[in-house]
Amino acid sequence: MNREILKSMDTGHIPVQRLTALLETFTLKHAARMLPDLLETADLQDSSCREFLLAVLETEVKGRNERRRKRNYSAAHFPPNIRPLEEFDPEELESGITHAQLSVLKELSWLDNCGNLVFAGPPGLGKTMVACGLGLQAVNSGYTVCFEKMTSLIKILDTAETERAAGFRLKNIKKAQLVIIDEIGYTPISRGQANRFFTFISDTYETSSIIFTTNKEIVDWAEMMGDPVLTTAMLDRILHHAKCYSFRGESYRLKHPDLYPQGETGM
């Protein structure tokens, strides 16, 4: 598109309003909203037709991606005040995870392969911070994510068939590409709840990735579930495509109280 054509648009030969209406007809709402700025830039830069068309399409794609990112972030139900992964320093742990391992996890290839992650260790070492940081990375990369504490997920599983809101949330959780289940092992669950949790794990097996944070080592899950046979079958599915990290060290929360609002737990 040459300078003469662009100028003719501004002088009324091809009204901007008409172009905007046509873009909106094809639901290119983001490009339509930015069209005056795009035309001005194209005029100043003496853009070709191809360059201008590319700018219009890239503006639309960028707008749609940002809208989808905001929608996915809202649907994730992250806890308040989550921090980006860059704020976590694994060198402050005695062991568990390294900078190199975090860099690999941030690439999200495990998510593309429906892999699982297990972050185990005592409270206060940053397990939830890392899990949510990876969840935020996934949302920003275009994936769908759902976060639930174990107690909340169990309640959803208990009431999904009788409460509409719980059933709707469970449907969204099962559809998510990444599910984060936080604080497994902090509270006991009944035999029936363990069975429903096993069914949930089976339903998402090899269709979604799951990040588990837990204060119990894997070998202690049978006691938590109350059924060694069921636990073995569940762990077989969880660990089939899983990487496990056992965090050790001084409480990250106690060393960095500024990162955690008063009353915030887990992490």
Protein backbone atom coordinates (compact mmCIF):
# COMPACT_ATOMS: atom_id res chain seq x y z
CA MET A 1 0.00 0.00 0.00
CA ASN A 2 1.64 3.25 -1.12
CA ARG A 3 1.49 6.71 0.37
CA GLU A 4 -1.12 7.96 -2.11
CA ILE A 5 -3.63 5.26 -1.21
CA LEU A 6 -3.12 5.84 2.50
CA LYS A 7 -3.60 9.56 2.04
CA SER A 8 -6.79 8.96 0.10
CA MET A 9 -8.14 7.04 3.09
CA ASP A 10 -7.53 10.05 5.29
CA THR A 11 -9.16 12.49 2.84
CA GLY A 12 -12.38 10.53 2.67
CA HIS A 13 -12.02 8.60 -0.62
CA ILE A 14 -11.92 5.40 1.47
CA PRO A 15 -13.35 6.36 4.85
CA VAL A 16 -11.64 4.87 7.87
CA GLN A 17 -15.08 4.18 9.34
CA ARG A 18 -15.90 1.93 6.39
CA LEU A 19 -12.66 -0.03 6.79
CA THR A 20 -13.28 -0.34 10.53
CA ALA A 21 -16.81 -1.63 9.92
CA LEU A 22 -15.51 -4.22 7.45
CA LEU A 23 -12.88 -5.42 9.91
CA GLU A 24 -15.55 -5.75 12.59
CA THR A 25 -17.75 -7.69 10.16
CA PHE A 26 -15.01 -10.30 10.01
CA THR A 27 -14.70 -10.08 13.84
CA LEU A 28 -11.25 -8.50 13.60
CA LYS A 29 -12.13 -6.29 16.55
CA HIS A 30 -8.61 -5.67 17.81
CA ALA A 31 -7.36 -4.60 14.38
CA ALA A 32 -10.45 -2.43 13.92
CA ARG A 33 -9.82 -0.63 17.20
CA MET A 34 -6.19 0.05 16.28
CA LEU A 35 -6.80 0.87 12.61
CA PRO A 36 -6.27 4.67 12.86
CA ASP A 37 -2.89 4.12 14.53
CA LEU A 38 -1.97 1.44 11.99
CA LEU A 39 -2.81 3.76 9.11
CA GLU A 40 -0.81 6.60 10.62
CA THR A 41 2.21 4.35 11.14
CA ALA A 42 1.96 2.95 7.63
CA ASP A 43 1.79 6.48 6.24
CA LEU A 44 4.83 7.63 8.20
CA GLN A 45 6.84 4.55 7.25
CA ASP A 46 5.62 4.50 3.63
CA SER A 47 4.60 0.84 4.13
CA SER A 48 3.89 -1.49 1.24
CA CYS A 49 0.56 -3.30 0.91
CA ARG A 50 2.11 -6.48 2.33
CA GLU A 51 3.67 -4.65 5.27
CA PHE A 52 0.39 -2.96 6.13
CA LEU A 53 -1.61 -6.19 5.85
CA LEU A 54 0.94 -7.94 8.05
CA ALA A 55 0.66 -5.20 10.67
CA VAL A 56 -3.15 -5.49 10.67
CA LEU A 57 -3.08 -9.27 11.10
CA GLU A 58 -0.35 -9.21 13.73
CA THR A 59 -2.31 -6.63 15.71
CA GLU A 60 -5.37 -8.87 15.65
CA VAL A 61 -3.42 -11.96 16.69
CA LYS A 62 -1.69 -10.08 19.50
CA GLY A 63 -5.02 -8.77 20.78
CA ARG A 64 -6.66 -12.18 20.68
CA ASN A 65 -3.72 -13.82 22.44
CA GLU A 66 -3.80 -11.24 25.22
CA ARG A 67 -7.54 -11.63 25.64
CA ARG A 68 -7.15 -15.41 25.83
CA ARG A 69 -4.29 -15.05 28.32
CA LYS A 70 -6.44 -12.90 30.63
CA ARG A 71 -9.34 -15.33 30.32
CA ASN A 72 -7.09 -18.31 31.09
CA TYR A 73 -5.51 -16.50 34.04
CA SER A 74 -8.93 -15.78 35.53
CA ALA A 75 -10.10 -19.37 34.98
CA ALA A 76 -7.00 -20.78 36.67
CA HIS A 77 -8.14 -19.57 40.12
CA PHE A 78 -4.57 -18.98 41.26
CA PRO A 79 -4.08 -17.96 44.90
CA PRO A 80 -3.57 -14.23 45.47
CA ASN A 81 -0.17 -12.59 45.08
CA ILE A 82 1.49 -15.35 43.08
CA ARG A 83 5.07 -14.62 42.11
CA PRO A 84 6.88 -15.22 38.82
CA LEU A 85 9.31 -18.12 38.81
CA GLU A 86 12.25 -15.72 38.47
CA GLU A 87 11.75 -14.59 42.08
CA PHE A 88 12.45 -18.09 43.44
CA ASP A 89 16.09 -18.81 44.23
CA PRO A 90 16.75 -22.57 44.46
CA GLU A 91 20.23 -21.93 45.88
CA GLU A 92 18.57 -21.05 49.19
CA LEU A 93 17.46 -24.68 49.52
CA GLU A 94 19.77 -27.38 50.81
CA SER A 95 18.59 -29.58 47.94
CA GLY A 96 15.60 -30.36 45.78
CA ILE A 97 15.83 -28.36 42.59
CA THR A 98 18.48 -26.35 40.72
CA HIS A 99 18.54 -23.33 38.44
CA ALA A 100 19.28 -25.63 35.51
CA GLN A 101 16.30 -27.86 36.31
CA LEU A 102 14.01 -24.83 36.66
CA SER A 103 15.19 -23.54 33.29
CA VAL A 104 14.29 -26.85 31.68
CA LEU A 105 10.87 -26.92 33.38
CA LYS A 106 10.17 -23.37 32.16
CA GLU A 107 10.43 -24.62 28.59
CA LEU A 108 7.22 -26.62 29.29
CA SER A 109 8.18 -29.61 27.12
CA TRP A 110 6.92 -31.84 29.95
CA LEU A 111 3.54 -30.13 29.59
CA ASP A 112 3.44 -30.83 25.86
CA ASN A 113 4.06 -34.51 26.68
CA CYS A 114 1.36 -34.65 29.42
CA GLY A 115 4.05 -35.15 32.04
CA ASN A 116 3.51 -34.67 35.77
CA LEU A 117 5.60 -32.96 38.45
CA VAL A 118 5.75 -33.79 42.15
CA PHE A 119 7.19 -31.23 44.58
CA ALA A 120 7.57 -32.84 48.02
CA GLY A 121 8.97 -31.54 51.27
CA PRO A 122 8.20 -29.72 54.52
CA PRO A 123 6.10 -26.52 54.52
CA GLY A 124 7.70 -23.20 53.69
CA LEU A 125 10.26 -24.29 51.09
CA GLY A 126 8.63 -22.75 48.04
CA LYS A 127 6.81 -25.74 46.55
CA THR A 128 3.63 -23.79 45.88
CA MET A 129 5.62 -20.80 44.67
CA VAL A 130 7.39 -22.93 42.06
CA ALA A 131 4.17 -24.72 41.07
CA CYS A 132 2.28 -21.44 40.59
CA GLY A 133 5.26 -19.90 38.82
CA LEU A 134 5.17 -22.72 36.30
CA GLY A 135 1.40 -22.32 36.06
CA LEU A 136 1.84 -18.61 35.30
CA GLN A 137 4.46 -19.48 32.70
CA ALA A 138 1.99 -21.90 31.12
CA VAL A 139 -0.83 -19.33 31.03
CA ASN A 140 1.47 -16.76 29.44
CA SER A 141 2.43 -19.38 26.84
CA GLY A 142 -1.19 -20.03 25.88
CA TYR A 143 -2.04 -23.12 27.96
CA THR A 144 -5.14 -23.58 30.11
CA VAL A 145 -4.45 -24.05 33.82
CA CYS A 146 -6.51 -24.85 36.93
CA PHE A 147 -5.25 -24.49 40.50
CA GLU A 148 -6.90 -26.12 43.50
CA LYS A 149 -5.80 -26.95 47.00
CA MET A 150 -6.36 -30.61 47.80
CA THR A 151 -9.08 -29.76 50.33
CA SER A 152 -10.96 -27.70 47.71
CA LEU A 153 -10.59 -30.37 45.04
CA ILE A 154 -11.93 -33.04 47.39
CA LYS A 155 -14.94 -30.85 48.16
CA ILE A 156 -15.54 -30.34 44.44
CA LEU A 157 -15.33 -34.08 43.82
CA ASP A 158 -17.72 -34.71 46.74
CA THR A 159 -20.38 -32.32 45.46
CA ALA A 160 -19.94 -32.31 41.67
CA GLU A 161 -23.04 -34.44 41.08
CA THR A 162 -25.31 -32.37 43.34
CA GLU A 163 -24.05 -28.79 43.05
CA ARG A 164 -24.02 -27.06 39.69
CA ALA A 165 -21.05 -24.80 40.48
CA ALA A 166 -18.93 -27.74 41.60
CA GLY A 167 -19.87 -29.77 38.54
CA PHE A 168 -18.98 -26.86 36.26
CA ARG A 169 -15.63 -26.35 38.00
CA LEU A 170 -14.79 -30.06 37.80
CA LYS A 171 -15.54 -30.04 34.09
CA ASN A 172 -13.16 -27.13 33.58
CA ILE A 173 -10.46 -28.78 35.70
CA LYS A 174 -10.63 -31.97 33.64
CA LYS A 175 -10.39 -29.95 30.42
CA ALA A 176 -7.36 -27.96 31.58
CA GLN A 177 -4.00 -28.75 30.04
CA LEU A 178 -2.31 -28.23 33.42
CA VAL A 179 -3.83 -28.92 36.85
CA ILE A 180 -2.03 -27.83 40.02
CA ILE A 181 -3.07 -29.73 43.15
CA ASP A 182 -1.64 -28.03 46.21
CA GLU A 183 -1.05 -29.27 49.76
CA ILE A 184 -1.68 -33.00 49.37
CA GLY A 185 -1.33 -34.72 52.73
CA TYR A 186 -2.13 -31.79 55.01
CA THR A 187 -5.57 -33.16 55.93
CA PRO A 188 -6.84 -36.77 55.98
CA ILE A 189 -9.42 -37.99 53.48
CA SER A 190 -12.01 -40.73 53.73
CA ARG A 191 -12.05 -43.97 51.76
CA GLY A 192 -14.83 -42.65 49.53
CA GLN A 193 -12.93 -39.44 48.89
CA ALA A 194 -9.81 -41.43 48.04
CA ASN A 195 -11.82 -43.42 45.50
CA ARG A 196 -13.14 -40.24 43.89
CA PHE A 197 -9.65 -38.77 43.79
CA PHE A 198 -8.37 -41.95 42.13
CA THR A 199 -11.14 -41.68 39.53
CA PHE A 200 -10.13 -38.07 38.87
CA ILE A 201 -6.49 -39.07 38.37
CA SER A 202 -7.58 -41.87 36.04
CA ASP A 203 -9.80 -39.51 34.02
CA THR A 204 -6.94 -37.05 33.46
CA TYR A 205 -4.27 -39.71 32.88
CA GLU A 206 -2.28 -38.90 29.71
CA THR A 207 -4.71 -36.11 28.76
CA SER A 208 -3.54 -33.41 31.21
CA SER A 209 -0.40 -32.63 33.15
CA ILE A 210 -0.63 -32.34 36.94
CA ILE A 211 1.69 -30.62 39.40
CA PHE A 212 1.40 -32.01 42.92
CA THR A 213 2.76 -30.25 46.01
CA THR A 214 2.86 -32.37 49.13
CA ASN A 215 4.39 -32.46 52.58
CA LYS A 216 4.57 -36.26 52.41
CA GLU A 217 7.00 -38.44 50.53
CA ILE A 218 5.47 -40.70 47.88
CA VAL A 219 6.01 -43.77 50.07
CA ASP A 220 3.70 -42.25 52.69
CA TRP A 221 0.74 -41.65 50.38
CA ALA A 222 -0.81 -45.05 51.09
CA GLU A 223 -1.37 -44.09 54.72
CA MET A 224 -2.94 -40.82 53.64
CA MET A 225 -5.28 -42.54 51.17
CA GLY A 226 -6.08 -45.40 53.52
CA ASP A 227 -5.92 -48.03 50.76
CA PRO A 228 -2.52 -49.40 49.66
CA VAL A 229 -3.92 -51.14 46.58
CA LEU A 230 -5.75 -48.04 45.34
CA THR A 231 -2.71 -45.87 46.12
CA THR A 232 -0.42 -48.17 44.15
CA ALA A 233 -2.72 -48.01 41.13
CA MET A 234 -2.97 -44.23 41.39
CA LEU A 235 0.77 -43.72 41.76
CA ASP A 236 1.35 -45.97 38.77
CA ARG A 237 -0.55 -43.42 36.68
CA ILE A 238 0.96 -40.35 38.34
CA LEU A 239 4.57 -41.51 38.13
CA HIS A 240 4.39 -42.99 34.63
CA HIS A 241 5.37 -39.63 33.11
CA ALA A 242 6.55 -37.76 36.20
CA LYS A 243 9.56 -35.93 37.55
CA CYS A 244 9.85 -35.77 41.33
CA TYR A 245 11.67 -33.14 43.39
CA SER A 246 12.22 -33.47 47.15
CA PHE A 247 12.78 -30.03 48.68
CA ARG A 248 15.03 -29.74 51.73
CA GLY A 249 16.25 -26.72 53.68
CA GLU A 250 15.30 -23.82 55.92
CA SER A 251 11.84 -22.32 55.53
CA TYR A 252 11.80 -19.99 52.53
CA ARG A 253 8.84 -18.16 54.05
CA LEU A 254 10.65 -17.40 57.30
CA LYS A 255 13.65 -16.01 55.41
CA HIS A 256 11.48 -13.94 53.05
CA PRO A 257 8.35 -12.81 54.96
CA ASP A 258 7.97 -9.92 52.50
CA LEU A 259 7.05 -12.40 49.75
CA TYR A 260 4.17 -13.90 51.72
CA PRO A 261 1.24 -11.82 52.96
CA GLN A 262 0.24 -12.42 56.56
CA GLY A 263 -1.88 -15.55 56.88
CA GLU A 264 -0.78 -17.11 53.59
CA THR A 265 0.00 -20.81 53.96
CA GLY A 266 1.31 -23.64 51.83
CA MET A 267 4.21 -22.64 49.62
